Amino acid sequence: MPYFGGMGWVMMTMILKPLLLACTLGVVVARWRTMPGSGWLMVMLALGTIVEVTAVMLVLLQGYNLWLYDLFIPVEQLLLVGYAWRQWGHHYFRAYLLVVTAVILVVMPFEVYGSILRSEFVGRGFLICATLVLPAYLALLFREAIALDGVLFRSATTWIALGVVIYLGASIPLMGLMNTLNSNDVDLAMRLYRINDVVFALRFGTIIFGVLRFPVMPGDHPSVHAKPITHP
């Protein structure tokens, strides 16, 4: 997590975030044989755990870890694109994902480099990535609602997509403004950043719940056993 927030809250989240990511990774690994696209999730969760643990070490040694998150954000967004790609093979959907990937690969190196030079969070880059990735996961939820016959909540894919939508939807306005808030009112930035910590927990807690409670079994995925979807 970027280093915003009161010290007590920061210390607590520094401990809990890697643990939550590691638990989520363990759950996904346990179910990987029955979850389409789980490889993308496992890579994202493994890298996220490493980043959070490294971030704790950097805070303890240097008191600064923003550059690590600046580097990780585009990687995480690309992995989210990869997971979405695996979930739905519709040609329009995948064409959109290709555009998103191209934008991230072209724009984010400049955003990350500039943010690291200025020693600030890559807020504008996150805003760009999240604004592009969010519609893809909203589309996945819509697709699940159409494809599944009255059992939307029983799909693990639904819960995974819902976790991403909750996180990105809440984080876009907050993280996009974080540098401005931090430069004008540090105390307000500290307090508001706690919202990100809460939706972080909701995101991965939702994934854990969905994967454990409603594992995807062979033949249950919408692409195999569902109402047909009419494509244009």
Protein backbone atom coordinates (compact mmCIF):
# COMPACT_ATOMS: atom_id res chain seq x y z
CA MET A 1 0.00 0.00 0.00
CA PRO A 2 1.26 3.51 -0.60
CA TYR A 3 2.46 5.14 2.58
CA PHE A 4 -0.61 7.18 3.50
CA GLY A 5 -2.53 6.95 6.77
CA GLY A 6 -2.01 7.25 10.53
CA MET A 7 0.83 5.14 11.93
CA GLY A 8 -1.39 2.75 13.90
CA TRP A 9 -3.61 2.10 10.91
CA VAL A 10 -0.62 1.82 8.58
CA MET A 11 1.12 -0.75 10.77
CA MET A 12 -2.05 -2.83 11.03
CA THR A 13 -2.68 -2.82 7.28
CA MET A 14 0.98 -3.54 6.52
CA ILE A 15 0.57 -6.80 8.42
CA LEU A 16 -2.94 -7.72 7.29
CA LYS A 17 -2.64 -7.01 3.56
CA PRO A 18 0.08 -9.60 2.81
CA LEU A 19 -1.77 -12.14 4.95
CA LEU A 20 -5.02 -11.54 3.08
CA LEU A 21 -3.30 -11.81 -0.29
CA ALA A 22 -1.52 -15.00 0.76
CA CYS A 23 -4.80 -16.51 1.98
CA THR A 24 -6.52 -15.59 -1.29
CA LEU A 25 -3.65 -17.12 -3.24
CA GLY A 26 -3.92 -20.33 -1.22
CA VAL A 27 -7.65 -20.59 -1.91
CA VAL A 28 -7.23 -20.01 -5.65
CA VAL A 29 -4.36 -22.52 -5.85
CA ALA A 30 -6.53 -25.12 -4.10
CA ARG A 31 -9.26 -24.63 -6.73
CA TRP A 32 -7.14 -23.93 -9.80
CA ARG A 33 -8.10 -27.11 -11.66
CA THR A 34 -11.76 -26.09 -11.73
CA MET A 35 -11.33 -22.36 -12.34
CA PRO A 36 -10.85 -21.06 -15.89
CA GLY A 37 -8.22 -18.33 -15.94
CA SER A 38 -6.95 -19.10 -12.45
CA GLY A 39 -3.34 -18.88 -13.68
CA TRP A 40 -3.74 -15.12 -14.21
CA LEU A 41 -5.16 -14.76 -10.71
CA MET A 42 -2.40 -16.84 -9.14
CA VAL A 43 0.34 -14.76 -10.77
CA MET A 44 -1.36 -11.52 -9.71
CA LEU A 45 -1.84 -12.71 -6.13
CA ALA A 46 1.70 -14.09 -5.86
CA LEU A 47 3.22 -10.86 -7.16
CA GLY A 48 0.89 -8.82 -4.96
CA THR A 49 1.99 -10.76 -1.88
CA ILE A 50 5.65 -10.25 -2.76
CA VAL A 51 5.04 -6.53 -3.33
CA GLU A 52 3.26 -6.10 0.01
CA VAL A 53 5.97 -7.96 1.94
CA THR A 54 8.69 -5.99 0.17
CA ALA A 55 6.79 -2.76 0.88
CA VAL A 56 6.82 -3.53 4.60
CA MET A 57 10.58 -4.11 4.48
CA LEU A 58 11.11 -0.86 2.58
CA VAL A 59 9.08 1.11 5.14
CA LEU A 60 11.07 -0.38 7.98
CA LEU A 61 14.42 0.24 6.27
CA GLN A 62 13.77 3.45 4.32
CA GLY A 63 10.34 4.75 5.29
CA TYR A 64 9.37 4.98 1.61
CA ASN A 65 7.77 2.48 -0.76
CA LEU A 66 5.71 4.41 -3.32
CA TRP A 67 8.01 3.55 -6.23
CA LEU A 68 7.27 -0.15 -5.71
CA TYR A 69 3.54 0.40 -6.15
CA ASP A 70 4.14 2.64 -9.12
CA LEU A 71 5.88 -0.28 -10.82
CA PHE A 72 3.31 -2.88 -9.78
CA ILE A 73 0.11 -1.09 -10.78
CA PRO A 74 0.46 -1.53 -14.59
CA VAL A 75 1.47 -5.16 -14.09
CA GLU A 76 -1.59 -5.81 -11.95
CA GLN A 77 -3.89 -4.15 -14.47
CA LEU A 78 -2.46 -6.23 -17.32
CA LEU A 79 -3.01 -9.41 -15.30
CA LEU A 80 -6.61 -8.35 -14.70
CA VAL A 81 -6.97 -7.92 -18.46
CA GLY A 82 -5.55 -11.42 -18.93
CA TYR A 83 -8.07 -12.93 -16.54
CA ALA A 84 -10.95 -11.13 -18.27
CA TRP A 85 -9.65 -12.36 -21.65
CA ARG A 86 -9.81 -15.95 -20.42
CA GLN A 87 -13.38 -15.58 -19.16
CA TRP A 88 -15.10 -14.48 -22.36
CA GLY A 89 -14.15 -15.16 -25.94
CA HIS A 90 -16.55 -12.71 -27.58
CA HIS A 91 -14.68 -10.93 -30.39
CA TYR A 92 -15.87 -7.42 -29.45
CA PHE A 93 -14.93 -7.98 -25.83
CA ARG A 94 -11.47 -9.23 -26.70
CA ALA A 95 -10.95 -6.41 -29.17
CA TYR A 96 -11.67 -3.97 -26.34
CA LEU A 97 -9.18 -5.79 -24.11
CA LEU A 98 -6.53 -5.52 -26.83
CA VAL A 99 -7.10 -1.75 -26.95
CA VAL A 100 -6.82 -1.56 -23.14
CA THR A 101 -3.59 -3.56 -23.23
CA ALA A 102 -2.13 -1.30 -25.91
CA VAL A 103 -2.99 1.85 -23.95
CA ILE A 104 -1.44 0.46 -20.76
CA LEU A 105 1.74 -0.61 -22.54
CA VAL A 106 2.11 2.75 -24.31
CA VAL A 107 1.07 5.17 -21.58
CA MET A 108 2.13 3.57 -18.32
CA PRO A 109 5.93 3.51 -18.81
CA PHE A 110 5.91 7.31 -19.10
CA GLU A 111 3.50 7.71 -16.18
CA VAL A 112 5.49 5.39 -13.93
CA TYR A 113 8.83 6.98 -14.84
CA GLY A 114 7.52 10.49 -14.20
CA SER A 115 5.91 9.50 -10.90
CA ILE A 116 9.08 7.86 -9.62
CA LEU A 117 11.12 10.93 -10.56
CA ARG A 118 8.65 13.14 -8.66
CA SER A 119 8.48 10.70 -5.75
CA GLU A 120 4.72 10.49 -5.93
CA PHE A 121 2.01 7.91 -6.48
CA VAL A 122 1.23 7.13 -10.11
CA GLY A 123 -2.26 8.56 -9.66
CA ARG A 124 -2.99 9.62 -13.23
CA GLY A 125 -1.72 6.31 -14.56
CA PHE A 126 -3.88 4.38 -12.11
CA LEU A 127 -6.85 6.51 -13.13
CA ILE A 128 -6.27 5.67 -16.81
CA CYS A 129 -5.81 1.94 -16.21
CA ALA A 130 -8.68 1.50 -13.79
CA THR A 131 -11.10 3.52 -15.92
CA LEU A 132 -10.36 1.21 -18.86
CA VAL A 133 -10.35 -2.08 -16.93
CA LEU A 134 -13.51 -1.41 -14.92
CA PRO A 135 -15.92 -1.57 -17.92
CA ALA A 136 -14.47 -4.97 -18.84
CA TYR A 137 -15.40 -6.39 -15.45
CA LEU A 138 -18.80 -4.74 -15.53
CA ALA A 139 -19.28 -6.47 -18.89
CA LEU A 140 -18.26 -9.79 -17.30
CA LEU A 141 -20.89 -9.34 -14.61
CA PHE A 142 -23.48 -8.52 -17.27
CA ARG A 143 -22.42 -11.56 -19.25
CA GLU A 144 -22.75 -13.79 -16.17
CA ALA A 145 -26.22 -12.41 -15.49
CA ILE A 146 -27.32 -13.32 -19.03
CA ALA A 147 -25.50 -16.65 -19.23
CA LEU A 148 -26.50 -18.10 -15.88
CA ASP A 149 -30.10 -19.12 -15.41
CA GLY A 150 -31.00 -17.55 -12.05
CA VAL A 151 -27.84 -18.70 -10.26
CA LEU A 152 -25.65 -15.64 -10.76
CA PHE A 153 -24.50 -15.57 -7.14
CA ARG A 154 -23.35 -19.20 -7.34
CA SER A 155 -20.68 -18.47 -9.92
CA ALA A 156 -17.15 -17.98 -8.61
CA THR A 157 -16.43 -15.81 -11.65
CA THR A 158 -19.23 -13.47 -10.55
CA TRP A 159 -17.66 -12.97 -7.12
CA ILE A 160 -14.19 -12.44 -8.55
CA ALA A 161 -15.48 -9.84 -11.02
CA LEU A 162 -17.59 -8.21 -8.30
CA GLY A 163 -14.52 -7.85 -6.08
CA VAL A 164 -12.64 -6.10 -8.87
CA VAL A 165 -15.59 -3.80 -9.62
CA ILE A 166 -15.93 -2.83 -5.95
CA TYR A 167 -12.23 -2.07 -5.65
CA LEU A 168 -11.76 -0.16 -8.88
CA GLY A 169 -15.06 1.68 -8.58
CA ALA A 170 -14.17 3.01 -5.13
CA SER A 171 -10.49 3.59 -5.87
CA ILE A 172 -10.77 5.57 -9.11
CA PRO A 173 -11.90 8.87 -7.54
CA LEU A 174 -9.76 8.40 -4.44
CA MET A 175 -6.45 7.33 -5.94
CA GLY A 176 -6.76 9.69 -8.88
CA LEU A 177 -6.81 12.61 -6.44
CA MET A 178 -4.40 11.23 -3.83
CA ASN A 179 -1.36 13.26 -4.90
CA THR A 180 -3.39 16.48 -4.90
CA LEU A 181 -4.85 15.67 -1.50
CA ASN A 182 -1.48 14.69 -0.10
CA SER A 183 0.13 17.94 -1.24
CA ASN A 184 -2.67 20.15 0.11
CA ASP A 185 -3.98 18.37 3.18
CA VAL A 186 -1.91 15.45 4.45
CA ASP A 187 -4.25 14.68 7.33
CA LEU A 188 -7.24 14.46 5.00
CA ALA A 189 -5.27 12.25 2.62
CA MET A 190 -4.40 9.95 5.52
CA ARG A 191 -8.01 9.59 6.54
CA LEU A 192 -9.38 9.12 3.04
CA TYR A 193 -6.79 6.48 2.18
CA ARG A 194 -8.40 4.21 4.72
CA ILE A 195 -11.26 3.82 2.24
CA ASN A 196 -8.80 2.12 -0.11
CA ASP A 197 -7.73 -0.26 2.65
CA VAL A 198 -11.35 -1.20 3.34
CA VAL A 199 -12.22 -1.86 -0.32
CA PHE A 200 -8.94 -3.80 -0.65
CA ALA A 201 -10.19 -6.13 2.08
CA LEU A 202 -13.63 -6.33 0.45
CA ARG A 203 -12.07 -7.17 -2.92
CA PHE A 204 -10.06 -10.15 -1.75
CA GLY A 205 -12.55 -11.21 0.90
CA THR A 206 -15.15 -11.41 -1.85
CA ILE A 207 -12.85 -13.55 -3.97
CA ILE A 208 -12.17 -15.93 -1.07
CA PHE A 209 -15.89 -16.25 -0.33
CA GLY A 210 -16.85 -16.85 -3.94
CA VAL A 211 -14.14 -19.41 -4.66
CA LEU A 212 -14.67 -21.37 -1.43
CA ARG A 213 -18.45 -21.22 -1.37
CA PHE A 214 -19.16 -21.65 -5.07
CA PRO A 215 -16.25 -23.45 -6.75
CA VAL A 216 -16.51 -23.74 -10.51
CA MET A 217 -16.84 -27.40 -11.38
CA PRO A 218 -16.36 -28.96 -14.83
CA GLY A 219 -19.49 -28.28 -16.87
CA ASP A 220 -20.68 -25.47 -14.59
CA HIS A 221 -18.91 -22.56 -16.24
CA PRO A 222 -21.22 -20.35 -18.32
CA SER A 223 -19.27 -21.14 -21.48
CA VAL A 224 -20.16 -24.83 -21.03
CA HIS A 225 -23.48 -24.98 -19.25
CA ALA A 226 -25.70 -21.92 -19.57
CA LYS A 227 -28.28 -20.11 -21.57
CA PRO A 228 -26.98 -19.39 -25.05
CA ILE A 229 -25.82 -15.82 -25.63
CA THR A 230 -26.76 -14.29 -28.92
CA HIS A 231 -23.85 -12.44 -30.48
CA PRO A 232 -24.34 -9.64 -32.98
